[in-house]
C-alpha cells in the first residue's frame, strides 16, 4: 500500500516501507531523490504519521514530529455484541499451512462483503498474518466480528509498528506454527474464549475510523484532546 494524505502541517505516510516518506523505496522509485516538500519536512511544527514504524524510520536530520499510525475500521462494521459461533474457523484462511490442515480456502470465497462478514462472525477464531506490512484491515475485520484474531508470528512484530493494542492472550492469540495454534485453542476454557472475544471486539471499537481521526487530529494539535 502506498498512501500519503497531507494535512495542515504534515503527511500521513501509509507506505509499507519502514523508511519515512519521502525517503521510502516507493517514493524514490516513483519520483527520484528530489522533493518539493523540503520546507515542510524541515519545520519543527510538521507532524508525520507512520504505520510501519521501526528503527529504520529515522528522521535523518529532519526536525518534524513523528507519531505512530494504524489502520482503522468504520464503526458500522463493528458488531454490537459477540454473535453466535457455529464454526471453528472462517472459510477463507490466509495461512496456507493451516488452510491445508483444516481444509479451508486460500482464495476469497464470497459473493459479497456481507457474506464475508457473516462468515467471520460465525467463526470462533479468525486467521491473520503479516502482509506487505504488519498492519492490515483483516486484523480489524476479524475483531470487529467478535472473533478472536489468531495472528501468525505477532510476537515478532516490532513494538512500534501497527497494529497497536493487540496483545497475545488478552485480545488475540499469537502463534508460530499450526500445532501451536491448535494446541492453544484446545487449551482455552469456554470462559477464557468468551473473554478473548469480548476484548477483541472492544479493541476493534477503539480502532474505529472516528477514534483514529480524533487521535490523529489531537496529536497534530488540530483539536483538543477529549476524555471519556
Protein backbone atom coordinates (compact mmCIF):
# COMPACT_ATOMS: atom_id res chain seq x y z
CA UNK A 1 0.00 0.00 0.00
CA UNK A 2 1.27 3.48 -0.82
CA UNK A 3 -0.77 6.33 0.62
CA UNK A 4 0.14 9.89 1.51
CA UNK A 5 -2.52 12.32 2.69
CA UNK A 6 -1.47 15.88 3.52
CA UNK A 7 -2.99 17.68 6.49
CA UNK A 8 -2.36 21.22 7.65
CA UNK A 9 1.21 20.75 8.80
CA UNK A 10 2.18 17.23 7.76
CA UNK A 11 1.62 13.98 5.88
CA UNK A 12 0.16 10.57 6.70
CA UNK A 13 2.75 8.08 5.49
CA UNK A 14 0.92 4.89 4.54
CA UNK A 15 3.83 3.21 2.73
CA UNK A 16 4.56 -0.37 3.72
CA UNK A 17 8.20 0.73 3.61
CA UNK A 18 9.68 1.33 7.06
CA UNK A 19 11.63 4.41 5.93
CA UNK A 20 9.99 7.80 6.24
CA UNK A 21 8.34 9.42 3.26
CA UNK A 22 9.77 10.87 1.02
CA UNK A 23 12.77 8.57 1.54
CA UNK A 24 10.84 5.31 1.22
CA UNK A 25 11.66 2.89 -1.58
CA UNK A 26 8.25 3.57 -3.13
CA UNK A 27 8.83 7.33 -3.21
CA UNK A 28 12.35 7.01 -4.62
CA UNK A 29 11.27 4.61 -7.36
CA UNK A 30 8.40 6.87 -8.39
CA UNK A 31 9.97 10.32 -8.14
CA UNK A 32 13.72 10.02 -7.57
CA UNK A 33 15.69 11.94 -4.97
CA UNK A 34 14.09 15.36 -5.34
CA UNK A 35 11.06 16.53 -3.39
CA UNK A 36 9.01 19.68 -3.27
CA UNK A 37 8.39 19.18 0.43
CA UNK A 38 11.76 20.20 1.80
CA UNK A 39 10.46 23.28 3.60
CA UNK A 40 7.53 21.39 5.14
CA UNK A 41 9.69 18.46 6.23
CA UNK A 42 12.21 20.75 7.91
CA UNK A 43 9.62 22.55 10.04
CA UNK A 44 9.50 21.63 13.75
CA UNK A 45 5.73 22.21 13.62
CA UNK A 46 5.29 19.49 10.99
CA UNK A 47 3.76 16.19 12.11
CA UNK A 48 4.30 12.96 10.18
CA UNK A 49 2.27 9.83 10.98
CA UNK A 50 3.92 6.48 10.24
CA UNK A 51 2.42 2.98 10.28
CA UNK A 52 5.47 0.73 9.70
CA UNK A 53 7.48 2.37 12.47
CA UNK A 54 10.82 0.62 13.16
CA UNK A 55 14.43 1.64 13.89
CA UNK A 56 14.70 2.26 10.11
CA UNK A 57 12.07 5.02 10.42
CA UNK A 58 14.62 7.72 11.14
CA UNK A 59 14.23 11.43 10.63
CA UNK A 60 17.83 11.74 9.35
CA UNK A 61 18.18 15.38 10.35
CA UNK A 62 14.57 16.37 9.72
CA UNK A 63 13.08 18.41 12.56
CA UNK A 64 9.50 17.22 12.19
CA UNK A 65 7.48 15.40 14.87
CA UNK A 66 6.95 11.65 14.43
CA UNK A 67 3.83 9.76 15.53
CA UNK A 68 2.52 6.21 15.22
CA UNK A 69 -0.36 5.46 12.88
CA UNK A 70 -2.55 2.39 12.35
CA UNK A 71 -5.39 1.14 10.22
CA UNK A 72 -8.97 1.60 11.40
CA UNK A 73 -12.43 0.26 10.66
CA UNK A 74 -15.80 2.04 10.29
CA UNK A 75 -17.99 1.98 13.40
CA UNK A 76 -20.79 0.48 11.29
CA UNK A 77 -18.64 -2.62 10.70
CA UNK A 78 -18.20 -3.29 14.44
CA UNK A 79 -20.90 -5.62 15.77
CA UNK A 80 -22.76 -4.58 18.91
CA UNK A 81 -22.09 -7.86 20.72
CA UNK A 82 -20.38 -11.18 20.12
CA UNK A 83 -22.61 -13.20 17.75
CA UNK A 84 -23.46 -16.90 17.95
CA UNK A 85 -20.50 -19.02 16.94
CA UNK A 86 -21.19 -22.04 14.74
CA UNK A 87 -17.75 -22.89 13.32
CA UNK A 88 -14.12 -23.03 14.40
CA UNK A 89 -12.55 -21.04 11.54
CA UNK A 90 -13.84 -18.95 8.64
CA UNK A 91 -13.93 -20.38 5.13
CA UNK A 92 -11.13 -18.09 3.95
CA UNK A 93 -7.83 -18.85 5.71
CA UNK A 94 -4.82 -16.76 4.71
CA UNK A 95 -2.28 -19.02 6.44
CA UNK A 96 -1.53 -21.63 3.77
CA UNK A 97 -0.22 -24.21 6.25
CA UNK A 98 -3.34 -24.01 8.41
CA UNK A 99 -5.57 -23.89 5.33
CA UNK A 100 -4.19 -27.23 4.16
CA UNK A 101 -4.51 -28.76 7.62
CA UNK A 102 -8.14 -27.80 8.27
CA UNK A 103 -9.45 -27.81 4.71
CA UNK A 104 -10.20 -24.10 4.24
CA UNK A 105 -9.95 -21.95 1.15
CA UNK A 106 -6.82 -19.93 0.45
CA UNK A 107 -8.69 -17.68 -2.01
CA UNK A 108 -11.52 -15.24 -1.37
CA UNK A 109 -14.67 -17.35 -1.41
CA UNK A 110 -17.58 -14.88 -1.04
CA UNK A 111 -20.06 -13.27 -3.39
CA UNK A 112 -20.15 -10.00 -1.44
CA UNK A 113 -18.89 -8.26 1.68
CA UNK A 114 -21.97 -9.18 3.70
CA UNK A 115 -21.30 -12.90 3.19
CA UNK A 116 -17.66 -12.42 4.15
CA UNK A 117 -18.55 -10.62 7.38
CA UNK A 118 -21.25 -13.17 8.24
CA UNK A 119 -18.72 -15.98 7.86
CA UNK A 120 -16.24 -14.16 10.11
CA UNK A 121 -18.95 -13.52 12.70
CA UNK A 122 -19.91 -17.19 12.81
CA UNK A 123 -16.29 -18.21 13.46
CA UNK A 124 -14.73 -18.62 16.87
CA UNK A 125 -11.25 -17.80 15.57
CA UNK A 126 -10.05 -15.78 12.58
CA UNK A 127 -6.65 -16.11 10.94
CA UNK A 128 -4.43 -13.20 10.01
CA UNK A 129 -0.78 -12.73 9.10
CA UNK A 130 1.75 -10.11 8.16
CA UNK A 131 1.18 -8.97 4.59
CA UNK A 132 3.27 -6.30 2.80
CA UNK A 133 3.41 -4.64 6.22
CA UNK A 134 2.46 -5.72 9.73
CA UNK A 135 -0.84 -3.84 9.75
CA UNK A 136 -3.77 -4.70 7.51
CA UNK A 137 -7.54 -4.36 7.56
CA UNK A 138 -8.05 -8.11 8.13
CA UNK A 139 -6.95 -7.81 11.78
CA UNK A 140 -9.70 -5.27 12.42
CA UNK A 141 -12.36 -7.10 10.39
CA UNK A 142 -11.86 -10.24 12.47
CA UNK A 143 -12.00 -8.42 15.81
CA UNK A 144 -14.96 -6.28 14.68
CA UNK A 145 -16.89 -9.51 14.08
CA UNK A 146 -16.49 -10.54 17.72
CA UNK A 147 -13.99 -13.18 16.62
CA UNK A 148 -10.58 -13.87 18.15
CA UNK A 149 -7.73 -12.80 15.85
CA UNK A 150 -5.08 -15.53 15.55
CA UNK A 151 -2.01 -13.67 14.27
CA UNK A 152 0.87 -15.74 12.97
CA UNK A 153 4.19 -14.50 14.40
CA UNK A 154 2.65 -11.45 16.06
CA UNK A 155 5.34 -11.64 18.74
CA UNK A 156 7.94 -10.89 16.05
CA UNK A 157 6.31 -7.54 15.25
CA UNK A 158 8.47 -4.52 16.13
CA UNK A 159 6.78 -2.90 19.14
CA UNK A 160 6.28 0.50 17.46
CA UNK A 161 4.72 -0.99 14.31
CA UNK A 162 0.95 -1.08 13.93
CA UNK A 163 -1.29 -2.79 14.85
CA UNK A 164 -1.12 -1.32 18.34
CA UNK A 165 -3.01 -2.80 21.27
CA UNK A 166 -3.26 -6.39 20.04
CA UNK A 167 -1.87 -8.37 22.97
CA UNK A 168 -1.29 -12.10 22.88
CA UNK A 169 -3.50 -13.90 25.38
CA UNK A 170 -5.51 -10.75 26.11
CA UNK A 171 -7.45 -9.98 22.93
CA UNK A 172 -5.79 -12.25 20.37
CA UNK A 173 -3.59 -15.33 20.00
CA UNK A 174 -0.10 -15.29 18.53
CA UNK A 175 1.28 -18.50 17.06
CA UNK A 176 4.35 -19.62 15.13
CA UNK A 177 3.09 -23.00 13.90
CA UNK A 178 -0.21 -24.73 13.21
CA UNK A 179 0.41 -27.22 16.00
CA UNK A 180 0.97 -24.38 18.46
CA UNK A 181 -2.24 -22.63 17.43
CA UNK A 182 -4.39 -25.76 17.59
CA UNK A 183 -2.90 -26.59 20.98
CA UNK A 184 -3.64 -23.13 22.36
CA UNK A 185 -7.20 -23.24 21.08
CA UNK A 186 -7.74 -26.67 22.62
CA UNK A 187 -6.43 -25.41 25.96
CA UNK A 188 -8.88 -22.49 26.20
CA UNK A 189 -11.82 -22.84 28.56
CA UNK A 190 -15.21 -21.51 27.37
CA UNK A 191 -14.91 -18.56 29.75
CA UNK A 192 -11.40 -17.72 28.53
CA UNK A 193 -12.54 -17.86 24.93
CA UNK A 194 -15.53 -15.63 25.62
CA UNK A 195 -13.31 -13.07 27.34
CA UNK A 196 -10.89 -13.02 24.40
CA UNK A 197 -13.82 -12.43 22.03
CA UNK A 198 -15.17 -9.56 24.11
CA UNK A 199 -11.77 -7.94 24.41
CA UNK A 200 -11.11 -8.33 20.67
CA UNK A 201 -14.42 -6.61 19.97
CA UNK A 202 -13.53 -3.80 22.38
CA UNK A 203 -10.18 -3.35 20.62
CA UNK A 204 -11.94 -3.05 17.26
CA UNK A 205 -14.31 -0.45 18.69
CA UNK A 206 -11.37 1.57 19.97
CA UNK A 207 -9.82 1.34 16.49
CA UNK A 208 -12.77 2.84 14.61
CA UNK A 209 -12.19 5.42 11.89
CA UNK A 210 -13.77 8.05 14.15
CA UNK A 211 -11.46 7.26 17.06
CA UNK A 212 -8.42 7.14 14.77
CA UNK A 213 -9.30 10.54 13.31
CA UNK A 214 -9.68 12.05 16.81
CA UNK A 215 -6.33 10.58 17.82
CA UNK A 216 -4.62 11.89 14.69
CA UNK A 217 -6.06 15.39 14.92
CA UNK A 218 -5.25 15.56 18.64
CA UNK A 219 -1.63 14.57 18.10
CA UNK A 220 -1.39 17.12 15.32
CA UNK A 221 -2.69 19.84 17.63
CA UNK A 222 -5.70 20.48 15.40
CA UNK A 223 -8.30 19.68 18.07
CA UNK A 224 -8.18 19.45 21.83
CA UNK A 225 -7.85 16.00 23.33
CA UNK A 226 -11.10 14.61 24.67
CA UNK A 227 -11.52 12.26 27.60
CA UNK A 228 -14.32 9.82 28.37
